[in-house]
């Protein structure tokens, strides 16, 4: 009686033919993605010239030691606070209207420029000059803005204190 066939072996190709077929497929892929490969090679060249590839290679070769150091640093209380503060800062920035922030930032920049001009070669102003400048409409506008800022900040501080049961 005949023996049952339990395994079918595919016909074996010559290793040279397999290599030639693989090279042909690789060349087709290279031709198909020529532009992307060219850009990628340019980027790699720039990274190499900047020394970034050597840094990345060093990090990868020493990944266990680098990972241990990174985890050690992240486990420090200061790192936890930094991460929490960073997240709180990003949330705060997300709540601010960009147009309002731009307006206040421009005003602050203008104020800093004038403050630096006054610093260079000018003597400090006296009390009488300070009182006279308090009548200036631009100074009064800024003072009003600052006092409203301080009122809003004080209201929030007082509210937080009351929520914690403290008296101020």
C-alpha atoms as a PDB file:
ATOM      1  CA  UNK A   1       0.000   0.000   0.000  1.00  0.00           C
ATOM      2  CA  UNK A   2       1.162   3.533  -0.752  1.00  0.00           C
ATOM      3  CA  UNK A   3       2.390   5.864   1.927  1.00  0.00           C
ATOM      4  CA  UNK A   4       0.377   9.094   2.537  1.00  0.00           C
ATOM      5  CA  UNK A   5       2.047  12.404   1.692  1.00  0.00           C
ATOM      6  CA  UNK A   6       2.245  14.463   4.874  1.00  0.00           C
ATOM      7  CA  UNK A   7       4.508  17.294   3.770  1.00  0.00           C
ATOM      8  CA  UNK A   8       4.679  19.152   0.542  1.00  0.00           C
ATOM      9  CA  UNK A   9       7.940  20.874  -0.065  1.00  0.00           C
ATOM     10  CA  UNK A  10       7.833  23.885  -2.349  1.00  0.00           C
ATOM     11  CA  UNK A  11      10.310  23.799  -5.163  1.00  0.00           C
ATOM     12  CA  UNK A  12      13.562  25.358  -4.038  1.00  0.00           C
ATOM     13  CA  UNK A  13      14.971  28.249  -5.965  1.00  0.00           C
ATOM     14  CA  UNK A  14      18.600  28.724  -6.532  1.00  0.00           C
ATOM     15  CA  UNK A  15      20.008  31.124  -3.857  1.00  0.00           C
ATOM     16  CA  UNK A  16      21.368  33.290  -6.664  1.00  0.00           C
ATOM     17  CA  UNK A  17      17.893  33.546  -8.220  1.00  0.00           C
ATOM     18  CA  UNK A  18      16.346  34.424  -4.834  1.00  0.00           C
ATOM     19  CA  UNK A  19      18.923  37.163  -4.340  1.00  0.00           C
ATOM     20  CA  UNK A  20      18.335  38.508  -7.854  1.00  0.00           C
ATOM     21  CA  UNK A  21      14.562  38.543  -7.293  1.00  0.00           C
ATOM     22  CA  UNK A  22      14.971  40.347  -3.962  1.00  0.00           C
ATOM     23  CA  UNK A  23      17.264  42.931  -5.563  1.00  0.00           C
ATOM     24  CA  UNK A  24      14.788  43.479  -8.391  1.00  0.00           C
ATOM     25  CA  UNK A  25      11.947  44.066  -5.915  1.00  0.00           C
ATOM     26  CA  UNK A  26      14.140  46.432  -3.905  1.00  0.00           C
ATOM     27  CA  UNK A  27      15.092  48.409  -7.020  1.00  0.00           C
ATOM     28  CA  UNK A  28      11.428  48.712  -8.006  1.00  0.00           C
ATOM     29  CA  UNK A  29      10.630  50.096  -4.551  1.00  0.00           C
ATOM     30  CA  UNK A  30      13.536  52.561  -4.751  1.00  0.00           C
ATOM     31  CA  UNK A  31      12.396  53.796  -8.175  1.00  0.00           C
ATOM     32  CA  UNK A  32       8.807  54.065  -6.954  1.00  0.00           C
ATOM     33  CA  UNK A  33       9.803  56.176  -3.918  1.00  0.00           C
ATOM     34  CA  UNK A  34      12.794  57.989  -5.400  1.00  0.00           C
ATOM     35  CA  UNK A  35      11.760  61.509  -4.328  1.00  0.00           C
ATOM     36  CA  UNK A  36      10.948  60.510  -0.736  1.00  0.00           C
ATOM     37  CA  UNK A  37      14.224  58.588  -0.438  1.00  0.00           C
ATOM     38  CA  UNK A  38      16.170  61.541  -1.812  1.00  0.00           C
ATOM     39  CA  UNK A  39      14.623  63.905   0.755  1.00  0.00           C
ATOM     40  CA  UNK A  40      15.237  61.364   3.521  1.00  0.00           C
ATOM     41  CA  UNK A  41      18.894  61.004   2.538  1.00  0.00           C
ATOM     42  CA  UNK A  42      19.264  64.801   2.521  1.00  0.00           C
ATOM     43  CA  UNK A  43      17.753  65.000   6.025  1.00  0.00           C
ATOM     44  CA  UNK A  44      20.064  62.243   7.256  1.00  0.00           C
ATOM     45  CA  UNK A  45      23.046  64.079   5.790  1.00  0.00           C
ATOM     46  CA  UNK A  46      22.088  67.282   7.624  1.00  0.00           C
ATOM     47  CA  UNK A  47      21.558  65.372  10.876  1.00  0.00           C
ATOM     48  CA  UNK A  48      24.990  63.788  10.446  1.00  0.00           C
ATOM     49  CA  UNK A  49      26.681  67.141   9.787  1.00  0.00           C
ATOM     50  CA  UNK A  50      24.977  68.602  12.866  1.00  0.00           C
ATOM     51  CA  UNK A  51      26.243  65.704  14.998  1.00  0.00           C
ATOM     52  CA  UNK A  52      22.744  64.595  15.930  1.00  0.00           C
ATOM     53  CA  UNK A  53      23.149  61.110  14.481  1.00  0.00           C
ATOM     54  CA  UNK A  54      26.215  60.509  16.643  1.00  0.00           C
ATOM     55  CA  UNK A  55      24.287  61.656  19.719  1.00  0.00           C
ATOM     56  CA  UNK A  56      21.365  59.380  18.832  1.00  0.00           C
ATOM     57  CA  UNK A  57      23.755  56.494  18.232  1.00  0.00           C
ATOM     58  CA  UNK A  58      25.402  57.053  21.614  1.00  0.00           C
ATOM     59  CA  UNK A  59      22.017  57.189  23.333  1.00  0.00           C
ATOM     60  CA  UNK A  60      20.923  53.969  21.657  1.00  0.00           C
ATOM     61  CA  UNK A  61      24.165  52.157  22.493  1.00  0.00           C
ATOM     62  CA  UNK A  62      23.853  53.215  26.140  1.00  0.00           C
ATOM     63  CA  UNK A  63      20.051  53.053  26.319  1.00  0.00           C
ATOM     64  CA  UNK A  64      19.935  51.019  29.522  1.00  0.00           C
ATOM     65  CA  UNK A  65      22.138  53.432  31.458  1.00  0.00           C
ATOM     66  CA  UNK A  66      20.443  56.479  29.924  1.00  0.00           C
ATOM     67  CA  UNK A  67      17.018  55.028  30.705  1.00  0.00           C
ATOM     68  CA  UNK A  68      17.983  54.372  34.316  1.00  0.00           C
ATOM     69  CA  UNK A  69      19.270  57.931  34.710  1.00  0.00           C
ATOM     70  CA  UNK A  70      16.130  59.372  33.096  1.00  0.00           C
ATOM     71  CA  UNK A  71      13.823  57.353  35.345  1.00  0.00           C
ATOM     72  CA  UNK A  72      15.867  58.356  38.399  1.00  0.00           C
ATOM     73  CA  UNK A  73      15.528  62.014  37.467  1.00  0.00           C
ATOM     74  CA  UNK A  74      11.799  61.708  36.750  1.00  0.00           C
ATOM     75  CA  UNK A  75      11.259  60.136  40.176  1.00  0.00           C
ATOM     76  CA  UNK A  76      12.567  63.252  41.945  1.00  0.00           C
ATOM     77  CA  UNK A  77       9.909  65.434  43.655  1.00  0.00           C
ATOM     78  CA  UNK A  78      11.147  68.444  41.671  1.00  0.00           C
ATOM     79  CA  UNK A  79      10.433  66.639  38.406  1.00  0.00           C
ATOM     80  CA  UNK A  80       6.900  65.800  39.550  1.00  0.00           C
ATOM     81  CA  UNK A  81       6.299  69.456  40.440  1.00  0.00           C
ATOM     82  CA  UNK A  82       7.802  70.600  37.151  1.00  0.00           C
ATOM     83  CA  UNK A  83       5.497  68.322  35.169  1.00  0.00           C
ATOM     84  CA  UNK A  84       2.437  69.411  37.177  1.00  0.00           C
ATOM     85  CA  UNK A  85       3.408  73.085  36.838  1.00  0.00           C
ATOM     86  CA  UNK A  86       3.978  72.654  33.119  1.00  0.00           C
ATOM     87  CA  UNK A  87       0.549  71.094  32.690  1.00  0.00           C
ATOM     88  CA  UNK A  88      -1.085  73.827  34.786  1.00  0.00           C
ATOM     89  CA  UNK A  89       0.717  76.481  32.741  1.00  0.00           C
ATOM     90  CA  UNK A  90      -0.460  74.943  29.483  1.00  0.00           C
ATOM     91  CA  UNK A  91      -4.037  74.755  30.778  1.00  0.00           C
ATOM     92  CA  UNK A  92      -3.839  78.410  31.855  1.00  0.00           C
ATOM     93  CA  UNK A  93      -2.520  79.444  28.446  1.00  0.00           C
ATOM     94  CA  UNK A  94      -5.349  77.508  26.831  1.00  0.00           C
ATOM     95  CA  UNK A  95      -7.941  79.582  28.718  1.00  0.00           C
ATOM     96  CA  UNK A  96      -6.502  82.950  27.651  1.00  0.00           C
ATOM     97  CA  UNK A  97      -7.974  84.652  24.602  1.00  0.00           C
ATOM     98  CA  UNK A  98      -5.073  85.004  22.116  1.00  0.00           C
ATOM     99  CA  UNK A  99      -6.169  88.497  21.037  1.00  0.00           C
ATOM    100  CA  UNK A 100      -6.236  89.726  24.633  1.00  0.00           C
ATOM    101  CA  UNK A 101      -2.860  88.155  25.359  1.00  0.00           C
ATOM    102  CA  UNK A 102      -1.406  89.762  22.236  1.00  0.00           C
ATOM    103  CA  UNK A 103      -2.769  93.159  23.255  1.00  0.00           C
ATOM    104  CA  UNK A 104      -1.375  92.930  26.800  1.00  0.00           C
ATOM    105  CA  UNK A 105       1.959  91.583  25.526  1.00  0.00           C
ATOM    106  CA  UNK A 106       2.309  94.502  23.097  1.00  0.00           C
ATOM    107  CA  UNK A 107       1.508  96.976  25.871  1.00  0.00           C
ATOM    108  CA  UNK A 108       4.052  95.315  28.177  1.00  0.00           C
ATOM    109  CA  UNK A 109       6.674  95.395  25.423  1.00  0.00           C
ATOM    110  CA  UNK A 110       6.077  99.113  24.867  1.00  0.00           C
ATOM    111  CA  UNK A 111       6.300  99.722  28.622  1.00  0.00           C
ATOM    112  CA  UNK A 112       9.565  97.786  28.842  1.00  0.00           C
ATOM    113  CA  UNK A 113      11.067  99.799  25.982  1.00  0.00           C
ATOM    114  CA  UNK A 114      10.193 103.070  27.704  1.00  0.00           C
ATOM    115  CA  UNK A 115      11.462 101.785  31.051  1.00  0.00           C
ATOM    116  CA  UNK A 116      14.797 100.834  29.495  1.00  0.00           C
ATOM    117  CA  UNK A 117      15.069 104.228  27.794  1.00  0.00           C
ATOM    118  CA  UNK A 118      14.482 105.932  31.155  1.00  0.00           C
ATOM    119  CA  UNK A 119      17.061 103.703  32.825  1.00  0.00           C
ATOM    120  CA  UNK A 120      19.835 104.678  30.434  1.00  0.00           C
ATOM    121  CA  UNK A 121      21.300 107.967  31.613  1.00  0.00           C
ATOM    122  CA  UNK A 122      18.275 109.331  33.471  1.00  0.00           C
ATOM    123  CA  UNK A 123      18.209 110.059  37.156  1.00  0.00           C
ATOM    124  CA  UNK A 124      15.432 108.508  39.273  1.00  0.00           C
ATOM    125  CA  UNK A 125      12.250 110.563  39.476  1.00  0.00           C
ATOM    126  CA  UNK A 126      11.313 112.259  42.714  1.00  0.00           C
ATOM    127  CA  UNK A 127       8.020 112.171  44.599  1.00  0.00           C
ATOM    128  CA  UNK A 128       6.750 115.407  42.989  1.00  0.00           C
ATOM    129  CA  UNK A 129       7.493 114.066  39.504  1.00  0.00           C
ATOM    130  CA  UNK A 130       5.783 110.816  40.427  1.00  0.00           C
ATOM    131  CA  UNK A 131       2.685 112.735  41.575  1.00  0.00           C
ATOM    132  CA  UNK A 132       2.738 114.811  38.371  1.00  0.00           C
ATOM    133  CA  UNK A 133       3.006 111.689  36.213  1.00  0.00           C
ATOM    134  CA  UNK A 134       0.068 110.133  38.072  1.00  0.00           C
ATOM    135  CA  UNK A 135      -2.078 112.788  36.356  1.00  0.00           C
ATOM    136  CA  UNK A 136      -0.893 111.652  32.898  1.00  0.00           C
ATOM    137  CA  UNK A 137      -3.783 109.836  31.097  1.00  0.00           C
ATOM    138  CA  UNK A 138      -1.481 107.038  29.868  1.00  0.00           C
ATOM    139  CA  UNK A 139      -0.117 106.433  33.365  1.00  0.00           C
ATOM    140  CA  UNK A 140      -3.642 106.484  34.808  1.00  0.00           C
ATOM    141  CA  UNK A 141      -4.790 103.966  32.192  1.00  0.00           C
ATOM    142  CA  UNK A 142      -1.947 101.621  33.136  1.00  0.00           C
ATOM    143  CA  UNK A 143      -2.511 102.120  36.868  1.00  0.00           C
ATOM    144  CA  UNK A 144      -6.210 101.418  36.409  1.00  0.00           C
ATOM    145  CA  UNK A 145      -5.401  98.258  34.498  1.00  0.00           C
ATOM    146  CA  UNK A 146      -2.964  97.154  37.216  1.00  0.00           C
ATOM    147  CA  UNK A 147      -5.430  97.848  40.039  1.00  0.00           C
ATOM    148  CA  UNK A 148      -8.168  95.890  38.233  1.00  0.00           C
ATOM    149  CA  UNK A 149      -5.682  93.049  37.747  1.00  0.00           C
ATOM    150  CA  UNK A 150      -4.849  93.132  41.463  1.00  0.00           C
ATOM    151  CA  UNK A 151      -8.560  93.233  42.380  1.00  0.00           C
ATOM    152  CA  UNK A 152      -9.251  90.169  40.239  1.00  0.00           C
ATOM    153  CA  UNK A 153      -6.278  88.364  41.688  1.00  0.00           C
ATOM    154  CA  UNK A 154      -7.308  89.299  45.240  1.00  0.00           C
ATOM    155  CA  UNK A 155     -10.851  88.096  44.624  1.00  0.00           C
ATOM    156  CA  UNK A 156      -9.535  84.711  43.460  1.00  0.00           C
ATOM    157  CA  UNK A 157      -7.159  84.424  46.445  1.00  0.00           C
ATOM    158  CA  UNK A 158      -9.952  85.313  48.868  1.00  0.00           C
ATOM    159  CA  UNK A 159     -12.305  82.802  47.227  1.00  0.00           C
ATOM    160  CA  UNK A 160      -9.683  80.044  47.479  1.00  0.00           C
ATOM    161  CA  UNK A 161      -9.058  80.913  51.134  1.00  0.00           C
ATOM    162  CA  UNK A 162     -12.779  80.764  51.895  1.00  0.00           C
ATOM    163  CA  UNK A 163     -13.036  77.401  50.132  1.00  0.00           C
ATOM    164  CA  UNK A 164     -10.319  76.085  52.448  1.00  0.00           C
ATOM    165  CA  UNK A 165     -12.059  77.576  55.491  1.00  0.00           C
ATOM    166  CA  UNK A 166      -9.442  80.268  56.131  1.00  0.00           C
ATOM    167  CA  UNK A 167     -10.248  83.873  57.028  1.00  0.00           C
ATOM    168  CA  UNK A 168      -8.476  86.794  55.432  1.00  0.00           C
END
